[in-house]
């Protein structure tokens, strides 16, 4: 079963866009639920993205990609 990694709608207060600043796990890596897997930046403030499930990480959006709340940036299978 696949679980999408989605930028949470409540991660930052405004409606602005973010940039993915880093992936802390590699594509194809095994990750545990709630592990820190990525970071995004909005107006010079860094926010953490946690794994929504345990499994194998598949990265869909790369470092420096611009993302918005609700965007799917990867998946865990």
PDB file of N, CA and C in Angstrom:
ATOM      1  N   UNK A   1       0.838  -1.184   0.000  1.00  0.00           N
ATOM      2  CA  UNK A   1       0.000   0.000   0.000  1.00  0.00           C
ATOM      3  C   UNK A   1       0.884   1.249   0.000  1.00  0.00           C
ATOM      4  N   UNK A   2       0.528   2.231  -0.781  1.00  0.00           N
ATOM      5  CA  UNK A   2       1.305   3.463  -0.892  1.00  0.00           C
ATOM      6  C   UNK A   2       0.698   4.553  -0.024  1.00  0.00           C
ATOM      7  N   UNK A   3       1.572   5.264   0.690  1.00  0.00           N
ATOM      8  CA  UNK A   3       1.155   6.429   1.481  1.00  0.00           C
ATOM      9  C   UNK A   3       1.859   7.654   0.910  1.00  0.00           C
ATOM     10  N   UNK A   4       1.091   8.633   0.447  1.00  0.00           N
ATOM     11  CA  UNK A   4       1.684   9.852  -0.102  1.00  0.00           C
ATOM     12  C   UNK A   4       2.285  10.709   1.004  1.00  0.00           C
ATOM     13  N   UNK A   5       3.379  11.389   0.678  1.00  0.00           N
ATOM     14  CA  UNK A   5       3.977  12.383   1.574  1.00  0.00           C
ATOM     15  C   UNK A   5       3.461  13.730   1.083  1.00  0.00           C
ATOM     16  N   UNK A   6       2.636  14.341   1.899  1.00  0.00           N
ATOM     17  CA  UNK A   6       1.933  15.567   1.513  1.00  0.00           C
ATOM     18  C   UNK A   6       2.383  16.722   2.406  1.00  0.00           C
ATOM     19  N   UNK A   7       2.594  17.887   1.802  1.00  0.00           N
ATOM     20  CA  UNK A   7       2.900  19.079   2.586  1.00  0.00           C
ATOM     21  C   UNK A   7       1.636  19.416   3.396  1.00  0.00           C
ATOM     22  N   UNK A   8       1.713  19.375   4.734  1.00  0.00           N
ATOM     23  CA  UNK A   8       0.521  19.635   5.553  1.00  0.00           C
ATOM     24  C   UNK A   8      -0.044  21.050   5.339  1.00  0.00           C
ATOM     25  N   UNK A   9      -1.361  21.152   5.364  1.00  0.00           N
ATOM     26  CA  UNK A   9      -2.025  22.442   5.184  1.00  0.00           C
ATOM     27  C   UNK A   9      -1.782  23.388   6.358  1.00  0.00           C
ATOM     28  N   UNK A  10      -1.393  22.862   7.508  1.00  0.00           N
ATOM     29  CA  UNK A  10      -1.176  23.693   8.701  1.00  0.00           C
ATOM     30  C   UNK A  10       0.302  23.828   9.071  1.00  0.00           C
ATOM     31  N   UNK A  11       1.205  23.545   8.125  1.00  0.00           N
ATOM     32  CA  UNK A  11       2.639  23.575   8.443  1.00  0.00           C
ATOM     33  C   UNK A  11       3.145  24.990   8.706  1.00  0.00           C
ATOM     34  N   UNK A  12       2.664  25.978   7.965  1.00  0.00           N
ATOM     35  CA  UNK A  12       3.037  27.373   8.205  1.00  0.00           C
ATOM     36  C   UNK A  12       1.765  28.212   8.138  1.00  0.00           C
ATOM     37  N   UNK A  13       1.770  29.392   8.753  1.00  0.00           N
ATOM     38  CA  UNK A  13       0.530  30.157   8.916  1.00  0.00           C
ATOM     39  C   UNK A  13      -0.048  30.779   7.642  1.00  0.00           C
ATOM     40  N   UNK A  14       0.755  31.275   6.739  1.00  0.00           N
ATOM     41  CA  UNK A  14       0.242  31.951   5.553  1.00  0.00           C
ATOM     42  C   UNK A  14       0.019  30.965   4.411  1.00  0.00           C
ATOM     43  N   UNK A  15      -0.420  31.490   3.265  1.00  0.00           N
ATOM     44  CA  UNK A  15      -0.681  30.659   2.096  1.00  0.00           C
ATOM     45  C   UNK A  15       0.473  30.633   1.097  1.00  0.00           C
ATOM     46  N   UNK A  16       1.635  31.126   1.466  1.00  0.00           N
ATOM     47  CA  UNK A  16       2.763  31.205   0.546  1.00  0.00           C
ATOM     48  C   UNK A  16       3.315  29.857   0.134  1.00  0.00           C
ATOM     49  N   UNK A  17       4.250  29.902  -0.805  1.00  0.00           N
ATOM     50  CA  UNK A  17       4.906  28.698  -1.286  1.00  0.00           C
ATOM     51  C   UNK A  17       6.173  28.434  -0.488  1.00  0.00           C
ATOM     52  N   UNK A  18       6.642  27.191  -0.557  1.00  0.00           N
ATOM     53  CA  UNK A  18       7.868  26.780   0.124  1.00  0.00           C
ATOM     54  C   UNK A  18       8.817  26.192  -0.908  1.00  0.00           C
ATOM     55  N   UNK A  19      10.066  26.042  -0.506  1.00  0.00           N
ATOM     56  CA  UNK A  19      11.045  25.352  -1.332  1.00  0.00           C
ATOM     57  C   UNK A  19      11.584  24.173  -0.532  1.00  0.00           C
ATOM     58  N   UNK A  20      11.719  23.041  -1.195  1.00  0.00           N
ATOM     59  CA  UNK A  20      12.340  21.893  -0.534  1.00  0.00           C
ATOM     60  C   UNK A  20      13.822  22.201  -0.398  1.00  0.00           C
ATOM     61  N   UNK A  21      14.335  22.206   0.827  1.00  0.00           N
ATOM     62  CA  UNK A  21      15.744  22.531   1.045  1.00  0.00           C
ATOM     63  C   UNK A  21      16.613  21.297   1.200  1.00  0.00           C
ATOM     64  N   UNK A  22      16.019  20.181   1.656  1.00  0.00           N
ATOM     65  CA  UNK A  22      16.816  18.952   1.760  1.00  0.00           C
ATOM     66  C   UNK A  22      15.931  17.734   1.956  1.00  0.00           C
ATOM     67  N   UNK A  23      16.421  16.627   1.454  1.00  0.00           N
ATOM     68  CA  UNK A  23      15.878  15.316   1.765  1.00  0.00           C
ATOM     69  C   UNK A  23      16.885  14.665   2.696  1.00  0.00           C
ATOM     70  N   UNK A  24      16.439  14.201   3.829  1.00  0.00           N
ATOM     71  CA  UNK A  24      17.334  13.617   4.829  1.00  0.00           C
ATOM     72  C   UNK A  24      17.400  12.097   4.720  1.00  0.00           C
ATOM     73  N   UNK A  25      16.688  11.556   3.756  1.00  0.00           N
ATOM     74  CA  UNK A  25      16.762  10.135   3.414  1.00  0.00           C
ATOM     75  C   UNK A  25      16.826  10.066   1.889  1.00  0.00           C
ATOM     76  N   UNK A  26      17.486   9.060   1.378  1.00  0.00           N
ATOM     77  CA  UNK A  26      17.655   8.909  -0.066  1.00  0.00           C
ATOM     78  C   UNK A  26      16.478   8.194  -0.697  1.00  0.00           C
ATOM     79  N   UNK A  27      16.296   8.432  -1.986  1.00  0.00           N
ATOM     80  CA  UNK A  27      15.273   7.716  -2.738  1.00  0.00           C
ATOM     81  C   UNK A  27      15.561   6.219  -2.633  1.00  0.00           C
ATOM     82  N   UNK A  28      14.561   5.437  -2.264  1.00  0.00           N
ATOM     83  CA  UNK A  28      14.740   4.002  -2.103  1.00  0.00           C
ATOM     84  C   UNK A  28      15.129   3.567  -0.707  1.00  0.00           C
ATOM     85  N   UNK A  29      15.374   4.526   0.181  1.00  0.00           N
ATOM     86  CA  UNK A  29      15.766   4.203   1.565  1.00  0.00           C
ATOM     87  C   UNK A  29      14.563   3.692   2.357  1.00  0.00           C
ATOM     88  N   UNK A  30      14.844   2.880   3.349  1.00  0.00           N
ATOM     89  CA  UNK A  30      13.809   2.433   4.276  1.00  0.00           C
ATOM     90  C   UNK A  30      13.709   3.457   5.394  1.00  0.00           C
ATOM     91  N   UNK A  31      12.490   3.931   5.656  1.00  0.00           N
ATOM     92  CA  UNK A  31      12.268   4.941   6.694  1.00  0.00           C
ATOM     93  C   UNK A  31      11.219   4.439   7.678  1.00  0.00           C
ATOM     94  N   UNK A  32      11.274   4.973   8.886  1.00  0.00           N
ATOM     95  CA  UNK A  32      10.313   4.638   9.931  1.00  0.00           C
ATOM     96  C   UNK A  32       9.281   5.761  10.054  1.00  0.00           C
ATOM     97  N   UNK A  33       8.064   5.405  10.437  1.00  0.00           N
ATOM     98  CA  UNK A  33       7.005   6.389  10.639  1.00  0.00           C
ATOM     99  C   UNK A  33       7.460   7.457  11.627  1.00  0.00           C
ATOM    100  N   UNK A  34       7.173   8.703  11.341  1.00  0.00           N
ATOM    101  CA  UNK A  34       7.506   9.888  12.139  1.00  0.00           C
ATOM    102  C   UNK A  34       8.980  10.256  12.137  1.00  0.00           C
ATOM    103  N   UNK A  35       9.783   9.594  11.300  1.00  0.00           N
ATOM    104  CA  UNK A  35      11.188   9.985  11.157  1.00  0.00           C
ATOM    105  C   UNK A  35      11.256  11.267  10.323  1.00  0.00           C
ATOM    106  N   UNK A  36      12.195  12.126  10.635  1.00  0.00           N
ATOM    107  CA  UNK A  36      12.420  13.348   9.867  1.00  0.00           C
ATOM    108  C   UNK A  36      13.011  12.954   8.513  1.00  0.00           C
ATOM    109  N   UNK A  37      12.300  13.278   7.429  1.00  0.00           N
ATOM    110  CA  UNK A  37      12.771  12.864   6.106  1.00  0.00           C
ATOM    111  C   UNK A  37      13.075  14.016   5.160  1.00  0.00           C
ATOM    112  N   UNK A  38      12.512  15.200   5.424  1.00  0.00           N
ATOM    113  CA  UNK A  38      12.745  16.334   4.526  1.00  0.00           C
ATOM    114  C   UNK A  38      12.555  17.642   5.280  1.00  0.00           C
ATOM    115  N   UNK A  39      13.083  18.703   4.666  1.00  0.00           N
ATOM    116  CA  UNK A  39      12.901  20.045   5.217  1.00  0.00           C
ATOM    117  C   UNK A  39      12.482  20.980   4.096  1.00  0.00           C
ATOM    118  N   UNK A  40      11.585  21.898   4.418  1.00  0.00           N
ATOM    119  CA  UNK A  40      11.161  22.924   3.470  1.00  0.00           C
ATOM    120  C   UNK A  40      11.337  24.293   4.124  1.00  0.00           C
ATOM    121  N   UNK A  41      11.531  25.304   3.291  1.00  0.00           N
ATOM    122  CA  UNK A  41      11.726  26.655   3.815  1.00  0.00           C
ATOM    123  C   UNK A  41      10.681  27.596   3.243  1.00  0.00           C
ATOM    124  N   UNK A  42      10.105  28.403   4.146  1.00  0.00           N
ATOM    125  CA  UNK A  42       9.142  29.437   3.773  1.00  0.00           C
ATOM    126  C   UNK A  42       9.631  30.739   4.387  1.00  0.00           C
ATOM    127  N   UNK A  43       9.939  31.715   3.550  1.00  0.00           N
ATOM    128  CA  UNK A  43      10.372  33.032   4.023  1.00  0.00           C
ATOM    129  C   UNK A  43      11.417  32.938   5.139  1.00  0.00           C
ATOM    130  N   UNK A  44      12.471  32.181   4.884  1.00  0.00           N
ATOM    131  CA  UNK A  44      13.628  32.028   5.776  1.00  0.00           C
ATOM    132  C   UNK A  44      13.319  31.266   7.068  1.00  0.00           C
ATOM    133  N   UNK A  45      12.217  30.535   7.105  1.00  0.00           N
ATOM    134  CA  UNK A  45      11.875  29.692   8.243  1.00  0.00           C
ATOM    135  C   UNK A  45      11.846  28.246   7.757  1.00  0.00           C
ATOM    136  N   UNK A  46      12.602  27.394   8.445  1.00  0.00           N
ATOM    137  CA  UNK A  46      12.707  25.982   8.075  1.00  0.00           C
ATOM    138  C   UNK A  46      11.614  25.162   8.768  1.00  0.00           C
ATOM    139  N   UNK A  47      10.958  24.268   8.024  1.00  0.00           N
ATOM    140  CA  UNK A  47       9.933  23.384   8.575  1.00  0.00           C
ATOM    141  C   UNK A  47      10.310  21.940   8.259  1.00  0.00           C
ATOM    142  N   UNK A  48       9.946  21.023   9.155  1.00  0.00           N
ATOM    143  CA  UNK A  48      10.301  19.620   9.010  1.00  0.00           C
ATOM    144  C   UNK A  48       9.124  18.816   8.457  1.00  0.00           C
ATOM    145  N   UNK A  49       9.457  17.850   7.606  1.00  0.00           N
ATOM    146  CA  UNK A  49       8.474  16.913   7.073  1.00  0.00           C
ATOM    147  C   UNK A  49       8.797  15.541   7.661  1.00  0.00           C
ATOM    148  N   UNK A  50       7.803  14.928   8.305  1.00  0.00           N
ATOM    149  CA  UNK A  50       7.981  13.625   8.930  1.00  0.00           C
ATOM    150  C   UNK A  50       7.353  12.537   8.065  1.00  0.00           C
ATOM    151  N   UNK A  51       7.911  11.348   8.136  1.00  0.00           N
ATOM    152  CA  UNK A  51       7.376  10.215   7.384  1.00  0.00           C
ATOM    153  C   UNK A  51       5.992   9.847   7.913  1.00  0.00           C
ATOM    154  N   UNK A  52       4.988   9.776   7.036  1.00  0.00           N
ATOM    155  CA  UNK A  52       3.638   9.434   7.483  1.00  0.00           C
ATOM    156  C   UNK A  52       3.431   7.930   7.696  1.00  0.00           C
ATOM    157  N   UNK A  53       4.424   7.127   7.316  1.00  0.00           N
ATOM    158  CA  UNK A  53       4.333   5.672   7.461  1.00  0.00           C
ATOM    159  C   UNK A  53       5.740   5.088   7.414  1.00  0.00           C
ATOM    160  N   UNK A  54       5.871   3.833   7.726  1.00  0.00           N
ATOM    161  CA  UNK A  54       7.142   3.117   7.596  1.00  0.00           C
ATOM    162  C   UNK A  54       7.163   2.411   6.246  1.00  0.00           C
ATOM    163  N   UNK A  55       8.350   2.341   5.640  1.00  0.00           N
ATOM    164  CA  UNK A  55       8.486   1.638   4.368  1.00  0.00           C
ATOM    165  C   UNK A  55       9.605   2.220   3.530  1.00  0.00           C
ATOM    166  N   UNK A  56       9.484   2.053   2.220  1.00  0.00           N
ATOM    167  CA  UNK A  56      10.503   2.501   1.266  1.00  0.00           C
ATOM    168  C   UNK A  56      10.115   3.859   0.690  1.00  0.00           C
ATOM    169  N   UNK A  57      11.047   4.804   0.765  1.00  0.00           N
ATOM    170  CA  UNK A  57      10.821   6.177   0.314  1.00  0.00           C
ATOM    171  C   UNK A  57      10.993   6.303  -1.188  1.00  0.00           C
ATOM    172  N   UNK A  58      10.034   6.962  -1.817  1.00  0.00           N
ATOM    173  CA  UNK A  58      10.107   7.304  -3.234  1.00  0.00           C
ATOM    174  C   UNK A  58       9.952   8.819  -3.339  1.00  0.00           C
ATOM    175  N   UNK A  59      10.998   9.502  -3.786  1.00  0.00           N
ATOM    176  CA  UNK A  59      11.003  10.965  -3.855  1.00  0.00           C
ATOM    177  C   UNK A  59      10.429  11.421  -5.193  1.00  0.00           C
ATOM    178  N   UNK A  60       9.425  12.303  -5.150  1.00  0.00           N
ATOM    179  CA  UNK A  60       8.789  12.817  -6.366  1.00  0.00           C
ATOM    180  C   UNK A  60       9.222  14.244  -6.696  1.00  0.00           C
ATOM    181  N   UNK A  61       9.567  15.029  -5.685  1.00  0.00           N
ATOM    182  CA  UNK A  61       9.972  16.429  -5.886  1.00  0.00           C
ATOM    183  C   UNK A  61      11.388  16.592  -5.347  1.00  0.00           C
ATOM    184  N   UNK A  62      12.209  17.325  -6.059  1.00  0.00           N
ATOM    185  CA  UNK A  62      13.626  17.443  -5.735  1.00  0.00           C
ATOM    186  C   UNK A  62      13.944  18.695  -4.912  1.00  0.00           C
ATOM    187  N   UNK A  63      15.148  18.730  -4.376  1.00  0.00           N
ATOM    188  CA  UNK A  63      15.640  19.899  -3.645  1.00  0.00           C
ATOM    189  C   UNK A  63      15.544  21.118  -4.562  1.00  0.00           C
ATOM    190  N   UNK A  64      15.109  22.229  -4.005  1.00  0.00           N
ATOM    191  CA  UNK A  64      14.899  23.511  -4.674  1.00  0.00           C
ATOM    192  C   UNK A  64      13.576  23.592  -5.434  1.00  0.00           C
ATOM    193  N   UNK A  65      12.804  22.500  -5.503  1.00  0.00           N
ATOM    194  CA  UNK A  65      11.472  22.582  -6.113  1.00  0.00           C
ATOM    195  C   UNK A  65      10.578  23.440  -5.230  1.00  0.00           C
ATOM    196  N   UNK A  66       9.738  24.240  -5.860  1.00  0.00           N
ATOM    197  CA  UNK A  66       8.774  25.067  -5.141  1.00  0.00           C
ATOM    198  C   UNK A  66       7.507  24.247  -4.940  1.00  0.00           C
ATOM    199  N   UNK A  67       7.012  24.231  -3.702  1.00  0.00           N
ATOM    200  CA  UNK A  67       5.821  23.448  -3.362  1.00  0.00           C
ATOM    201  C   UNK A  67       4.843  24.303  -2.570  1.00  0.00           C
ATOM    202  N   UNK A  68       3.600  23.860  -2.568  1.00  0.00           N
ATOM    203  CA  UNK A  68       2.546  24.533  -1.813  1.00  0.00           C
ATOM    204  C   UNK A  68       1.918  23.552  -0.843  1.00  0.00           C
ATOM    205  N   UNK A  69       1.150  24.073   0.076  1.00  0.00           N
ATOM    206  CA  UNK A  69       0.416  23.213   1.011  1.00  0.00           C
ATOM    207  C   UNK A  69      -0.456  22.247   0.213  1.00  0.00           C
ATOM    208  N   UNK A  70      -0.471  20.990   0.621  1.00  0.00           N
ATOM    209  CA  UNK A  70      -1.270  19.981  -0.053  1.00  0.00           C
ATOM    210  C   UNK A  70      -0.558  19.258  -1.182  1.00  0.00           C
ATOM    211  N   UNK A  71       0.616  19.735  -1.594  1.00  0.00           N
ATOM    212  CA  UNK A  71       1.360  19.070  -2.682  1.00  0.00           C
ATOM    213  C   UNK A  71       1.926  17.737  -2.203  1.00  0.00           C
ATOM    214  N   UNK A  72       1.930  16.762  -3.112  1.00  0.00           N
ATOM    215  CA  UNK A  72       2.549  15.472  -2.853  1.00  0.00           C
ATOM    216  C   UNK A  72       4.012  15.579  -3.275  1.00  0.00           C
ATOM    217  N   UNK A  73       4.926  15.295  -2.358  1.00  0.00           N
ATOM    218  CA  UNK A  73       6.352  15.423  -2.669  1.00  0.00           C
ATOM    219  C   UNK A  73       7.045  14.061  -2.746  1.00  0.00           C
ATOM    220  N   UNK A  74       6.335  13.016  -2.396  1.00  0.00           N
ATOM    221  CA  UNK A  74       6.892  11.681  -2.462  1.00  0.00           C
ATOM    222  C   UNK A  74       5.887  10.679  -1.958  1.00  0.00           C
ATOM    223  N   UNK A  75       6.354   9.441  -1.778  1.00  0.00           N
ATOM    224  CA  UNK A  75       5.485   8.382  -1.296  1.00  0.00           C
ATOM    225  C   UNK A  75       6.298   7.362  -0.520  1.00  0.00           C
ATOM    226  N   UNK A  76       5.605   6.598   0.298  1.00  0.00           N
ATOM    227  CA  UNK A  76       6.216   5.496   1.034  1.00  0.00           C
ATOM    228  C   UNK A  76       5.407   4.248   0.719  1.00  0.00           C
ATOM    229  N   UNK A  77       6.122   3.204   0.308  1.00  0.00           N
ATOM    230  CA  UNK A  77       5.444   1.936  -0.005  1.00  0.00           C
ATOM    231  C   UNK A  77       5.918   0.849   0.931  1.00  0.00           C
TER     232      UNK A  77
END
